[in-house]
Amino acid sequence: MLVLLPPSEGKAASGGGVPVALDRLSLPGLTAARAQVLDVLVGLCRGDQDTAAEVLGLSPGLRGELARNAGLPTAGALPAGEVYTGVLFDNLGLATLDEAAYDRAERSLLVFSGLWGAVRIGDRIPPYRCSMGVKLPGPGALGAYWRSAMASVLPEVTDGLVLDLRSSAYAAAWKPAGEVASRTATVRVLHEREVAGVLKRSVVSHFNKATKGRLVRDLLVAGAEPKTPGELVDALAELGHRVEVAAEGTARKPWQLDVVVTEVH
């Protein structure tokens, strides 16, 4: 099983140890593309600060991120699983997994990134600021840039079930196609509640990240290894989640699963 995750805007305050070594990151076919984005991002943030802030979409209160980006080549690096600190990763709780579950996380989780393309949680990277929605001078829109770079790299590591939990911006960087699409499952989180005696459902926005983090954690802790979207539905149900098949996959479209919750937290 390969689980595709978005990164988080929240990141560790600083790294530690040696700087990032691009040639030691997972998915080595992305090394040249990573080097280009890193070089452009660092150069941008070492130049005119107003321009850099505008390109990166930073508010005045986030101007400090420019200095951090400018120092990326020499900044201390951490395992990616420690760099990302947002809601999804808080609920995934990598630091509290036992050794066997953490080993499964290292093998199965792939975090997409505007700067690195995609990394595994054990890859050592420095904290940074560069979302997939950014349009850098040279590489251009990062979603399209990475989509081209990943076209030949991602299919090589997707030989089983693909659980795609990315947000739309990061999903733009790689879209499963053909046979891979038929064994890919996407997840939507729906909040079900009673209103004036009638059950109603609405799409969960912010809290969907927490639910997705808990889903992945439960699979890792249980040692579940579903090989198809159908087996994934059964595995999640056994773990206490209410899952419905909204649409079965085809050779062109992934499966669409709805996870129904009655509480959002």
Protein backbone atom coordinates (compact mmCIF):
# COMPACT_ATOMS: atom_id res chain seq x y z
CA MET A 1 0.00 0.00 0.00
CA LEU A 2 1.23 3.47 -0.90
CA VAL A 3 -0.37 6.41 0.95
CA LEU A 4 -0.09 9.84 -0.69
CA LEU A 5 -0.25 12.72 1.79
CA PRO A 6 -0.20 16.51 1.50
CA PRO A 7 2.43 18.36 3.55
CA SER A 8 1.47 20.80 6.26
CA GLU A 9 2.00 24.54 6.28
CA GLY A 10 3.02 24.12 9.90
CA LYS A 11 6.60 22.89 10.17
CA ALA A 12 9.25 22.39 12.81
CA ALA A 13 10.93 25.61 13.93
CA SER A 14 14.38 24.42 12.90
CA GLY A 15 16.27 21.39 11.73
CA GLY A 16 19.28 19.70 13.23
CA GLY A 17 22.37 17.93 12.03
CA VAL A 18 23.79 18.00 8.53
CA PRO A 19 22.13 19.81 5.60
CA VAL A 20 19.93 18.07 3.05
CA ALA A 21 21.70 15.79 0.57
CA LEU A 22 19.55 15.71 -2.55
CA ASP A 23 21.20 12.55 -3.84
CA ARG A 24 20.17 10.66 -0.69
CA LEU A 25 16.43 11.41 -0.87
CA SER A 26 13.93 8.80 -1.99
CA LEU A 27 12.76 8.81 -5.60
CA PRO A 28 16.20 9.65 -7.05
CA GLY A 29 14.65 10.27 -10.44
CA LEU A 30 13.50 13.62 -9.02
CA THR A 31 16.99 14.79 -8.00
CA ALA A 32 17.60 17.15 -10.94
CA ALA A 33 14.12 18.67 -10.64
CA ARG A 34 14.59 19.18 -6.89
CA ALA A 35 17.94 20.87 -7.46
CA GLN A 36 16.39 23.34 -9.88
CA VAL A 37 13.50 24.29 -7.58
CA LEU A 38 15.82 24.61 -4.58
CA ASP A 39 18.26 26.82 -6.48
CA VAL A 40 15.50 29.11 -7.77
CA LEU A 41 13.76 29.33 -4.38
CA VAL A 42 16.98 30.19 -2.54
CA GLY A 43 17.94 32.80 -5.15
CA LEU A 44 14.46 34.35 -4.99
CA CYS A 45 14.56 34.64 -1.21
CA ARG A 46 18.06 36.13 -1.22
CA GLY A 47 16.91 38.85 -3.60
CA ASP A 48 14.21 41.52 -3.40
CA GLN A 49 12.12 40.69 -0.35
CA ASP A 50 8.91 42.27 -1.60
CA THR A 51 9.07 40.26 -4.81
CA ALA A 52 9.85 37.04 -2.97
CA ALA A 53 6.99 37.56 -0.51
CA GLU A 54 4.57 38.20 -3.37
CA VAL A 55 5.66 35.11 -5.31
CA LEU A 56 5.37 32.89 -2.24
CA GLY A 57 2.12 34.47 -1.08
CA LEU A 58 3.49 35.45 2.33
CA SER A 59 1.75 37.93 4.59
CA PRO A 60 3.84 40.55 6.46
CA GLY A 61 3.79 38.34 9.54
CA LEU A 62 5.48 35.52 7.62
CA ARG A 63 8.38 37.50 6.18
CA GLY A 64 10.73 35.53 8.44
CA GLU A 65 10.16 32.53 6.19
CA LEU A 66 12.19 34.28 3.49
CA ALA A 67 15.35 34.17 5.59
CA ARG A 68 14.74 30.51 6.37
CA ASN A 69 14.36 29.70 2.67
CA ALA A 70 17.48 31.70 1.83
CA GLY A 71 19.51 29.49 4.16
CA LEU A 72 18.15 26.13 3.00
CA PRO A 73 21.40 24.80 1.46
CA THR A 74 23.19 24.90 4.83
CA ALA A 75 20.25 24.48 7.21
CA GLY A 76 20.10 21.44 9.45
CA ALA A 77 17.80 18.70 8.21
CA LEU A 78 15.30 16.49 10.04
CA PRO A 79 13.35 13.41 8.99
CA ALA A 80 10.36 14.67 6.99
CA GLY A 81 8.06 12.99 9.49
CA GLU A 82 9.36 15.43 12.11
CA VAL A 83 9.31 18.49 9.84
CA TYR A 84 5.55 18.46 9.17
CA THR A 85 3.50 19.45 12.21
CA GLY A 86 -0.01 20.25 10.94
CA VAL A 87 -3.38 18.75 11.89
CA LEU A 88 -3.06 15.61 9.75
CA PHE A 89 0.39 14.82 11.12
CA ASP A 90 -0.66 15.59 14.71
CA ASN A 91 -3.41 12.98 14.41
CA LEU A 92 -1.14 10.54 12.58
CA GLY A 93 1.21 10.76 15.56
CA LEU A 94 4.32 9.26 13.99
CA ALA A 95 6.41 9.82 17.11
CA THR A 96 4.11 7.61 19.19
CA LEU A 97 3.99 4.63 16.81
CA ASP A 98 5.69 1.43 17.90
CA GLU A 99 8.68 0.24 15.90
CA ALA A 100 6.73 -2.09 13.61
CA ALA A 101 4.09 0.53 12.80
CA TYR A 102 6.76 3.17 12.17
CA ASP A 103 8.58 0.81 9.81
CA ARG A 104 5.32 0.40 7.89
CA ALA A 105 4.96 4.21 7.80
CA GLU A 106 8.45 4.58 6.35
CA ARG A 107 7.63 2.09 3.60
CA SER A 108 4.14 3.29 2.73
CA LEU A 109 3.83 7.06 3.28
CA LEU A 110 4.78 9.54 0.56
CA VAL A 111 4.43 13.25 1.34
CA PHE A 112 4.05 15.63 -1.59
CA SER A 113 5.88 18.97 -1.51
CA GLY A 114 6.16 22.11 -3.59
CA LEU A 115 9.93 22.12 -2.99
CA TRP A 116 10.90 18.42 -2.95
CA GLY A 117 8.20 16.95 -5.20
CA ALA A 118 7.56 14.02 -2.88
CA VAL A 119 9.50 12.54 0.04
CA ARG A 120 9.23 9.61 2.41
CA ILE A 121 8.98 10.33 6.12
CA GLY A 122 12.55 9.18 6.77
CA ASP A 123 14.05 11.53 4.18
CA ARG A 124 16.02 14.27 5.89
CA ILE A 125 14.96 17.76 4.79
CA PRO A 126 15.17 21.23 6.37
CA PRO A 127 11.98 23.15 7.29
CA TYR A 128 10.96 25.39 4.37
CA ARG A 129 8.12 27.48 2.96
CA CYS A 130 6.99 26.77 -0.62
CA SER A 131 3.51 25.52 -1.41
CA MET A 132 2.49 23.64 -4.54
CA GLY A 133 0.40 26.62 -5.61
CA VAL A 134 3.47 28.82 -6.07
CA LYS A 135 4.63 29.92 -9.54
CA LEU A 136 8.41 30.28 -9.45
CA PRO A 137 10.41 32.19 -12.08
CA GLY A 138 11.86 29.51 -14.33
CA PRO A 139 10.09 26.32 -13.20
CA GLY A 140 6.73 28.11 -13.39
CA ALA A 141 3.61 26.71 -11.70
CA LEU A 142 4.91 23.97 -9.42
CA GLY A 143 1.91 21.69 -9.87
CA ALA A 144 2.60 21.43 -13.60
CA TYR A 145 6.37 21.33 -13.08
CA TRP A 146 6.21 18.34 -10.77
CA ARG A 147 3.57 16.60 -12.86
CA SER A 148 6.07 16.44 -15.70
CA ALA A 149 8.94 15.36 -13.47
CA MET A 150 6.93 12.64 -11.75
CA ALA A 151 5.35 11.14 -14.86
CA SER A 152 8.03 8.46 -15.14
CA VAL A 153 9.00 8.24 -11.46
CA LEU A 154 5.77 7.62 -9.53
CA PRO A 155 4.44 4.63 -11.50
CA GLU A 156 7.60 2.73 -10.55
CA VAL A 157 6.62 2.73 -6.85
CA THR A 158 2.87 2.17 -7.20
CA ASP A 159 2.64 -1.59 -7.62
CA GLY A 160 -0.27 -2.10 -5.19
CA LEU A 161 -3.11 -0.17 -3.61
CA VAL A 162 -2.70 3.62 -3.70
CA LEU A 163 -4.55 5.58 -1.00
CA ASP A 164 -4.61 9.18 -2.17
CA LEU A 165 -5.31 11.63 0.67
CA ARG A 166 -3.82 14.72 -0.97
CA SER A 167 -5.56 18.08 -1.21
CA SER A 168 -6.41 19.34 -4.69
CA ALA A 169 -3.31 21.55 -5.01
CA TYR A 170 -1.00 18.61 -4.35
CA ALA A 171 -3.06 16.15 -6.36
CA ALA A 172 -2.24 18.33 -9.38
CA ALA A 173 1.40 17.23 -9.14
CA TRP A 174 0.60 13.64 -10.13
CA LYS A 175 -2.60 12.05 -11.35
CA PRO A 176 -2.84 8.25 -11.44
CA ALA A 177 -3.81 7.03 -14.88
CA GLY A 178 -4.59 3.78 -16.63
CA GLU A 179 -4.20 0.64 -14.57
CA VAL A 180 -2.85 2.59 -11.59
CA ALA A 181 -6.08 4.63 -11.41
CA SER A 182 -8.16 1.45 -11.08
CA ARG A 183 -6.35 0.55 -7.84
CA THR A 184 -6.27 4.06 -6.38
CA ALA A 185 -8.76 5.27 -3.78
CA THR A 186 -9.48 8.88 -2.82
CA VAL A 187 -11.29 9.80 0.39
CA ARG A 188 -13.91 12.43 1.16
CA VAL A 189 -14.96 13.08 4.77
CA LEU A 190 -18.67 13.74 5.34
CA HIS A 191 -20.24 15.04 8.56
CA GLU A 192 -23.64 13.46 9.19
CA ARG A 193 -25.98 15.12 11.66
CA GLU A 194 -29.69 15.43 12.36
CA VAL A 195 -31.31 18.78 11.53
CA ALA A 196 -34.98 19.19 12.39
CA GLY A 197 -35.44 15.44 12.40
CA VAL A 198 -33.72 14.97 9.03
CA LEU A 199 -30.28 13.43 8.55
CA LYS A 200 -28.06 15.74 6.54
CA ARG A 201 -24.49 15.43 5.32
CA SER A 202 -21.92 18.08 4.53
CA VAL A 203 -18.33 17.92 3.34
CA VAL A 204 -15.87 18.45 6.16
CA SER A 205 -13.12 20.97 5.38
CA HIS A 206 -10.63 21.69 8.17
CA PHE A 207 -11.44 18.58 10.22
CA ASN A 208 -11.04 16.24 7.28
CA LYS A 209 -7.28 16.45 7.90
CA ALA A 210 -7.71 15.11 11.43
CA THR A 211 -9.89 12.25 10.21
CA LYS A 212 -7.43 11.30 7.48
CA GLY A 213 -4.57 11.33 9.97
CA ARG A 214 -6.49 8.96 12.26
CA LEU A 215 -7.38 6.67 9.34
CA VAL A 216 -3.75 6.24 8.37
CA ARG A 217 -2.65 5.76 11.97
CA ASP A 218 -5.26 3.04 12.52
CA LEU A 219 -4.11 1.18 9.39
CA LEU A 220 -0.45 1.39 10.44
CA VAL A 221 -1.07 0.29 14.05
CA ALA A 222 -3.26 -2.61 12.93
CA GLY A 223 -0.69 -3.75 10.39
CA ALA A 224 -3.41 -3.74 7.73
CA GLU A 225 -2.11 -4.41 4.22
CA PRO A 226 -5.11 -4.08 1.87
CA LYS A 227 -4.19 -4.75 -1.73
CA THR A 228 -7.29 -3.33 -3.44
CA PRO A 229 -9.73 -0.48 -2.76
CA GLY A 230 -12.36 -3.08 -1.85
CA GLU A 231 -10.05 -4.62 0.75
CA LEU A 232 -9.34 -1.10 2.06
CA VAL A 233 -13.06 -0.52 2.65
CA ASP A 234 -13.25 -3.79 4.59
CA ALA A 235 -10.12 -3.00 6.61
CA LEU A 236 -11.34 0.44 7.63
CA ALA A 237 -14.74 -0.97 8.59
CA GLU A 238 -13.04 -3.56 10.81
CA LEU A 239 -11.17 -0.69 12.47
CA GLY A 240 -14.44 1.05 13.33
CA HIS A 241 -14.70 3.56 10.51
CA ARG A 242 -17.89 4.05 8.53
CA VAL A 243 -16.90 3.95 4.88
CA GLU A 244 -19.10 4.00 1.79
CA VAL A 245 -18.13 3.50 -1.86
CA ALA A 246 -19.25 6.65 -3.68
CA ALA A 247 -17.89 5.48 -7.05
CA GLU A 248 -15.92 2.44 -8.13
CA GLY A 249 -12.71 3.03 -10.04
CA THR A 250 -12.18 2.61 -13.74
CA ALA A 251 -9.17 2.58 -16.04
CA ARG A 252 -9.39 6.37 -16.05
CA LYS A 253 -10.70 7.33 -12.60
CA PRO A 254 -9.80 6.28 -9.04
CA TRP A 255 -12.27 4.86 -6.57
CA GLN A 256 -14.07 7.49 -4.48
CA LEU A 257 -14.71 6.59 -0.85
CA ASP A 258 -16.77 8.53 1.68
CA VAL A 259 -15.84 8.36 5.35
CA VAL A 260 -18.90 9.36 7.37
CA VAL A 261 -18.43 10.91 10.82
CA THR A 262 -20.98 12.16 13.33
CA GLU A 263 -18.52 14.30 15.26
CA VAL A 264 -15.81 16.63 14.00
CA HIS A 265 -12.75 17.13 16.16
